[in-house]
Amino acid sequence: MLKFLKSFHKDDEGAVTVDWVVLCAVIIGLSIALIAIISAGATNKSSSVGAFLSAQSIATY
């Protein structure tokens, strides 16, 4: 049992998995934040463009 515990303590393969999980979580979190920022700006811009186009009149001759 003591030999198993020593080998388990020295084994570091799981540490790489933890690193990848943390890295992926950070990337996903930043992506969600970026999408939220961009979508708010795009919504505001599209609303102002729509208001401008609605205010225009079409001249017919």
PDB file of N, CA and C in Angstrom:
ATOM      1  N   MET A   1       0.824  -1.184   0.000  1.00  0.00           N
ATOM      2  CA  MET A   1       0.000   0.000   0.000  1.00  0.00           C
ATOM      3  C   MET A   1       0.871   1.252   0.000  1.00  0.00           C
ATOM      4  N   LEU A   2       1.947   1.222   0.740  1.00  0.00           N
ATOM      5  CA  LEU A   2       2.857   2.367   0.815  1.00  0.00           C
ATOM      6  C   LEU A   2       3.509   2.612  -0.539  1.00  0.00           C
ATOM      7  N   LYS A   3       3.851   1.542  -1.247  1.00  0.00           N
ATOM      8  CA  LYS A   3       4.444   1.672  -2.577  1.00  0.00           C
ATOM      9  C   LYS A   3       3.446   2.323  -3.541  1.00  0.00           C
ATOM     10  N   PHE A   4       2.201   1.919  -3.462  1.00  0.00           N
ATOM     11  CA  PHE A   4       1.160   2.508  -4.306  1.00  0.00           C
ATOM     12  C   PHE A   4       0.998   3.997  -4.025  1.00  0.00           C
ATOM     13  N   LEU A   5       0.996   4.387  -2.753  1.00  0.00           N
ATOM     14  CA  LEU A   5       0.841   5.797  -2.404  1.00  0.00           C
ATOM     15  C   LEU A   5       2.022   6.630  -2.890  1.00  0.00           C
ATOM     16  N   LYS A   6       3.241   6.083  -2.815  1.00  0.00           N
ATOM     17  CA  LYS A   6       4.412   6.803  -3.302  1.00  0.00           C
ATOM     18  C   LYS A   6       4.348   6.983  -4.817  1.00  0.00           C
ATOM     19  N   SER A   7       3.959   5.942  -5.534  1.00  0.00           N
ATOM     20  CA  SER A   7       3.863   6.063  -6.988  1.00  0.00           C
ATOM     21  C   SER A   7       2.716   6.996  -7.384  1.00  0.00           C
ATOM     22  N   PHE A   8       1.637   6.981  -6.637  1.00  0.00           N
ATOM     23  CA  PHE A   8       0.515   7.879  -6.905  1.00  0.00           C
ATOM     24  C   PHE A   8       0.926   9.335  -6.679  1.00  0.00           C
ATOM     25  N   HIS A   9       1.719   9.579  -5.668  1.00  0.00           N
ATOM     26  CA  HIS A   9       2.184  10.931  -5.345  1.00  0.00           C
ATOM     27  C   HIS A   9       3.129  11.461  -6.422  1.00  0.00           C
ATOM     28  N   LYS A  10       3.951  10.581  -7.005  1.00  0.00           N
ATOM     29  CA  LYS A  10       4.902  10.996  -8.035  1.00  0.00           C
ATOM     30  C   LYS A  10       4.257  11.139  -9.405  1.00  0.00           C
ATOM     31  N   ASP A  11       3.145  10.495  -9.637  1.00  0.00           N
ATOM     32  CA  ASP A  11       2.486  10.530 -10.941  1.00  0.00           C
ATOM     33  C   ASP A  11       1.873  11.910 -11.163  1.00  0.00           C
ATOM     34  N   ASP A  12       2.260  12.582 -12.266  1.00  0.00           N
ATOM     35  CA  ASP A  12       1.767  13.926 -12.511  1.00  0.00           C
ATOM     36  C   ASP A  12       1.002  14.043 -13.832  1.00  0.00           C
ATOM     37  N   GLU A  13       0.510  12.946 -14.359  1.00  0.00           N
ATOM     38  CA  GLU A  13      -0.227  12.988 -15.614  1.00  0.00           C
ATOM     39  C   GLU A  13      -1.536  13.764 -15.474  1.00  0.00           C
ATOM     40  N   GLY A  14      -2.156  13.710 -14.342  1.00  0.00           N
ATOM     41  CA  GLY A  14      -3.415  14.421 -14.131  1.00  0.00           C
ATOM     42  C   GLY A  14      -3.238  15.923 -14.076  1.00  0.00           C
ATOM     43  N   ALA A  15      -2.041  16.395 -13.765  1.00  0.00           N
ATOM     44  CA  ALA A  15      -1.781  17.828 -13.684  1.00  0.00           C
ATOM     45  C   ALA A  15      -1.926  18.488 -15.051  1.00  0.00           C
ATOM     46  N   VAL A  16      -1.558  17.776 -16.090  1.00  0.00           N
ATOM     47  CA  VAL A  16      -1.701  18.317 -17.441  1.00  0.00           C
ATOM     48  C   VAL A  16      -3.170  18.485 -17.783  1.00  0.00           C
ATOM     49  N   THR A  17      -3.990  17.564 -17.376  1.00  0.00           N
ATOM     50  CA  THR A  17      -5.422  17.655 -17.620  1.00  0.00           C
ATOM     51  C   THR A  17      -6.013  18.865 -16.912  1.00  0.00           C
ATOM     52  N   VAL A  18      -5.609  19.100 -15.700  1.00  0.00           N
ATOM     53  CA  VAL A  18      -6.092  20.257 -14.952  1.00  0.00           C
ATOM     54  C   VAL A  18      -5.684  21.542 -15.648  1.00  0.00           C
ATOM     55  N   ASP A  19      -4.462  21.602 -16.148  1.00  0.00           N
ATOM     56  CA  ASP A  19      -3.993  22.786 -16.871  1.00  0.00           C
ATOM     57  C   ASP A  19      -4.852  23.047 -18.106  1.00  0.00           C
ATOM     58  N   TRP A  20      -5.161  21.998 -18.855  1.00  0.00           N
ATOM     59  CA  TRP A  20      -5.973  22.161 -20.054  1.00  0.00           C
ATOM     60  C   TRP A  20      -7.398  22.582 -19.716  1.00  0.00           C
ATOM     61  N   VAL A  21      -7.942  22.058 -18.654  1.00  0.00           N
ATOM     62  CA  VAL A  21      -9.296  22.435 -18.244  1.00  0.00           C
ATOM     63  C   VAL A  21      -9.334  23.906 -17.873  1.00  0.00           C
ATOM     64  N   VAL A  22      -8.356  24.368 -17.126  1.00  0.00           N
ATOM     65  CA  VAL A  22      -8.306  25.779 -16.740  1.00  0.00           C
ATOM     66  C   VAL A  22      -8.107  26.657 -17.964  1.00  0.00           C
ATOM     67  N   LEU A  23      -7.228  26.268 -18.860  1.00  0.00           N
ATOM     68  CA  LEU A  23      -6.978  27.031 -20.074  1.00  0.00           C
ATOM     69  C   LEU A  23      -8.226  27.129 -20.937  1.00  0.00           C
ATOM     70  N   CYS A  24      -8.919  26.027 -21.113  1.00  0.00           N
ATOM     71  CA  CYS A  24     -10.151  26.036 -21.910  1.00  0.00           C
ATOM     72  C   CYS A  24     -11.236  26.876 -21.240  1.00  0.00           C
ATOM     73  N   ALA A  25     -11.335  26.819 -19.939  1.00  0.00           N
ATOM     74  CA  ALA A  25     -12.333  27.613 -19.226  1.00  0.00           C
ATOM     75  C   ALA A  25     -12.054  29.106 -19.393  1.00  0.00           C
ATOM     76  N   VAL A  26     -10.802  29.503 -19.356  1.00  0.00           N
ATOM     77  CA  VAL A  26     -10.454  30.909 -19.551  1.00  0.00           C
ATOM     78  C   VAL A  26     -10.786  31.350 -20.969  1.00  0.00           C
ATOM     79  N   ILE A  27     -10.463  30.535 -21.944  1.00  0.00           N
ATOM     80  CA  ILE A  27     -10.758  30.881 -23.338  1.00  0.00           C
ATOM     81  C   ILE A  27     -12.261  31.004 -23.558  1.00  0.00           C
ATOM     82  N   ILE A  28     -13.037  30.089 -23.018  1.00  0.00           N
ATOM     83  CA  ILE A  28     -14.488  30.142 -23.169  1.00  0.00           C
ATOM     84  C   ILE A  28     -15.055  31.362 -22.464  1.00  0.00           C
ATOM     85  N   GLY A  29     -14.561  31.653 -21.270  1.00  0.00           N
ATOM     86  CA  GLY A  29     -15.034  32.832 -20.538  1.00  0.00           C
ATOM     87  C   GLY A  29     -14.745  34.129 -21.272  1.00  0.00           C
ATOM     88  N   LEU A  30     -13.536  34.261 -21.808  1.00  0.00           N
ATOM     89  CA  LEU A  30     -13.193  35.454 -22.571  1.00  0.00           C
ATOM     90  C   LEU A  30     -14.012  35.558 -23.855  1.00  0.00           C
ATOM     91  N   SER A  31     -14.285  34.429 -24.478  1.00  0.00           N
ATOM     92  CA  SER A  31     -15.103  34.438 -25.691  1.00  0.00           C
ATOM     93  C   SER A  31     -16.520  34.906 -25.396  1.00  0.00           C
ATOM     94  N   ILE A  32     -17.087  34.439 -24.323  1.00  0.00           N
ATOM     95  CA  ILE A  32     -18.442  34.859 -23.948  1.00  0.00           C
ATOM     96  C   ILE A  32     -18.471  36.349 -23.622  1.00  0.00           C
ATOM     97  N   ALA A  33     -17.467  36.838 -22.923  1.00  0.00           N
ATOM     98  CA  ALA A  33     -17.403  38.268 -22.608  1.00  0.00           C
ATOM     99  C   ALA A  33     -17.256  39.095 -23.879  1.00  0.00           C
ATOM    100  N   LEU A  34     -16.438  38.652 -24.795  1.00  0.00           N
ATOM    101  CA  LEU A  34     -16.242  39.372 -26.053  1.00  0.00           C
ATOM    102  C   LEU A  34     -17.515  39.395 -26.882  1.00  0.00           C
ATOM    103  N   ILE A  35     -18.221  38.290 -26.936  1.00  0.00           N
ATOM    104  CA  ILE A  35     -19.485  38.237 -27.679  1.00  0.00           C
ATOM    105  C   ILE A  35     -20.506  39.182 -27.061  1.00  0.00           C
ATOM    106  N   ALA A  36     -20.549  39.258 -25.747  1.00  0.00           N
ATOM    107  CA  ALA A  36     -21.486  40.158 -25.072  1.00  0.00           C
ATOM    108  C   ALA A  36     -21.169  41.612 -25.392  1.00  0.00           C
ATOM    109  N   ILE A  37     -19.898  41.967 -25.404  1.00  0.00           N
ATOM    110  CA  ILE A  37     -19.503  43.344 -25.712  1.00  0.00           C
ATOM    111  C   ILE A  37     -19.813  43.688 -27.168  1.00  0.00           C
ATOM    112  N   ILE A  38     -19.481  42.804 -28.070  1.00  0.00           N
ATOM    113  CA  ILE A  38     -19.703  43.065 -29.494  1.00  0.00           C
ATOM    114  C   ILE A  38     -21.192  43.111 -29.814  1.00  0.00           C
ATOM    115  N   SER A  39     -21.975  42.230 -29.235  1.00  0.00           N
ATOM    116  CA  SER A  39     -23.401  42.208 -29.557  1.00  0.00           C
ATOM    117  C   SER A  39     -24.104  43.468 -29.061  1.00  0.00           C
ATOM    118  N   ALA A  40     -23.684  43.993 -27.920  1.00  0.00           N
ATOM    119  CA  ALA A  40     -24.291  45.234 -27.421  1.00  0.00           C
ATOM    120  C   ALA A  40     -23.986  46.388 -28.372  1.00  0.00           C
ATOM    121  N   GLY A  41     -22.768  46.493 -28.828  1.00  0.00           N
ATOM    122  CA  GLY A  41     -22.398  47.550 -29.771  1.00  0.00           C
ATOM    123  C   GLY A  41     -23.086  47.386 -31.110  1.00  0.00           C
ATOM    124  N   ALA A  42     -23.209  46.165 -31.580  1.00  0.00           N
ATOM    125  CA  ALA A  42     -23.857  45.918 -32.866  1.00  0.00           C
ATOM    126  C   ALA A  42     -25.346  46.229 -32.789  1.00  0.00           C
ATOM    127  N   THR A  43     -25.972  45.918 -31.675  1.00  0.00           N
ATOM    128  CA  THR A  43     -27.393  46.220 -31.514  1.00  0.00           C
ATOM    129  C   THR A  43     -27.624  47.727 -31.518  1.00  0.00           C
ATOM    130  N   ASN A  44     -26.780  48.460 -30.808  1.00  0.00           N
ATOM    131  CA  ASN A  44     -26.913  49.919 -30.784  1.00  0.00           C
ATOM    132  C   ASN A  44     -26.702  50.514 -32.171  1.00  0.00           C
ATOM    133  N   LYS A  45     -25.701  50.049 -32.877  1.00  0.00           N
ATOM    134  CA  LYS A  45     -25.406  50.576 -34.213  1.00  0.00           C
ATOM    135  C   LYS A  45     -26.520  50.240 -35.191  1.00  0.00           C
ATOM    136  N   SER A  46     -27.035  49.023 -35.151  1.00  0.00           N
ATOM    137  CA  SER A  46     -28.105  48.661 -36.080  1.00  0.00           C
ATOM    138  C   SER A  46     -29.382  49.439 -35.785  1.00  0.00           C
ATOM    139  N   SER A  47     -29.624  49.758 -34.527  1.00  0.00           N
ATOM    140  CA  SER A  47     -30.794  50.569 -34.190  1.00  0.00           C
ATOM    141  C   SER A  47     -30.655  51.978 -34.751  1.00  0.00           C
ATOM    142  N   SER A  48     -29.463  52.556 -34.646  1.00  0.00           N
ATOM    143  CA  SER A  48     -29.270  53.905 -35.169  1.00  0.00           C
ATOM    144  C   SER A  48     -29.324  53.930 -36.693  1.00  0.00           C
ATOM    145  N   VAL A  49     -28.823  52.908 -37.349  1.00  0.00           N
ATOM    146  CA  VAL A  49     -28.909  52.826 -38.804  1.00  0.00           C
ATOM    147  C   VAL A  49     -30.376  52.664 -39.232  1.00  0.00           C
ATOM    148  N   GLY A  50     -31.115  51.837 -38.529  1.00  0.00           N
ATOM    149  CA  GLY A  50     -32.534  51.661 -38.840  1.00  0.00           C
ATOM    150  C   GLY A  50     -33.320  52.943 -38.659  1.00  0.00           C
ATOM    151  N   ALA A  51     -33.033  53.703 -37.611  1.00  0.00           N
ATOM    152  CA  ALA A  51     -33.715  54.971 -37.390  1.00  0.00           C
ATOM    153  C   ALA A  51     -33.370  55.967 -38.498  1.00  0.00           C
ATOM    154  N   PHE A  52     -32.115  55.996 -38.912  1.00  0.00           N
ATOM    155  CA  PHE A  52     -31.713  56.895 -39.991  1.00  0.00           C
ATOM    156  C   PHE A  52     -32.419  56.540 -41.293  1.00  0.00           C
ATOM    157  N   LEU A  53     -32.468  55.263 -41.613  1.00  0.00           N
ATOM    158  CA  LEU A  53     -33.118  54.845 -42.859  1.00  0.00           C
ATOM    159  C   LEU A  53     -34.623  55.092 -42.817  1.00  0.00           C
ATOM    160  N   SER A  54     -35.238  54.947 -41.673  1.00  0.00           N
ATOM    161  CA  SER A  54     -36.670  55.201 -41.563  1.00  0.00           C
ATOM    162  C   SER A  54     -36.989  56.681 -41.728  1.00  0.00           C
ATOM    163  N   ALA A  55     -36.077  57.555 -41.395  1.00  0.00           N
ATOM    164  CA  ALA A  55     -36.297  58.991 -41.493  1.00  0.00           C
ATOM    165  C   ALA A  55     -36.115  59.500 -42.929  1.00  0.00           C
ATOM    166  N   GLN A  56     -35.552  58.698 -43.795  1.00  0.00           N
ATOM    167  CA  GLN A  56     -35.302  59.136 -45.165  1.00  0.00           C
ATOM    168  C   GLN A  56     -36.567  59.015 -46.001  1.00  0.00           C
ATOM    169  N   SER A  57     -36.684  59.896 -46.968  1.00  0.00           N
ATOM    170  CA  SER A  57     -37.836  59.833 -47.871  1.00  0.00           C
ATOM    171  C   SER A  57     -37.338  59.496 -49.279  1.00  0.00           C
ATOM    172  N   ILE A  58     -38.181  58.875 -50.016  1.00  0.00           N
ATOM    173  CA  ILE A  58     -37.841  58.481 -51.393  1.00  0.00           C
ATOM    174  C   ILE A  58     -38.522  59.480 -52.321  1.00  0.00           C
ATOM    175  N   ALA A  59     -37.716  60.119 -53.135  1.00  0.00           N
ATOM    176  CA  ALA A  59     -38.264  61.086 -54.092  1.00  0.00           C
ATOM    177  C   ALA A  59     -38.632  60.355 -55.377  1.00  0.00           C
ATOM    178  N   THR A  60     -39.866  60.515 -55.774  1.00  0.00           N
ATOM    179  CA  THR A  60     -40.326  59.904 -57.025  1.00  0.00           C
ATOM    180  C   THR A  60     -40.711  61.032 -57.977  1.00  0.00           C
ATOM    181  N   TYR A  61     -40.339  60.917 -59.204  1.00  0.00           N
ATOM    182  CA  TYR A  61     -40.643  61.941 -60.226  1.00  0.00           C
ATOM    183  C   TYR A  61     -41.587  61.412 -61.241  1.00  0.00           C
TER     184      TYR A  61
END
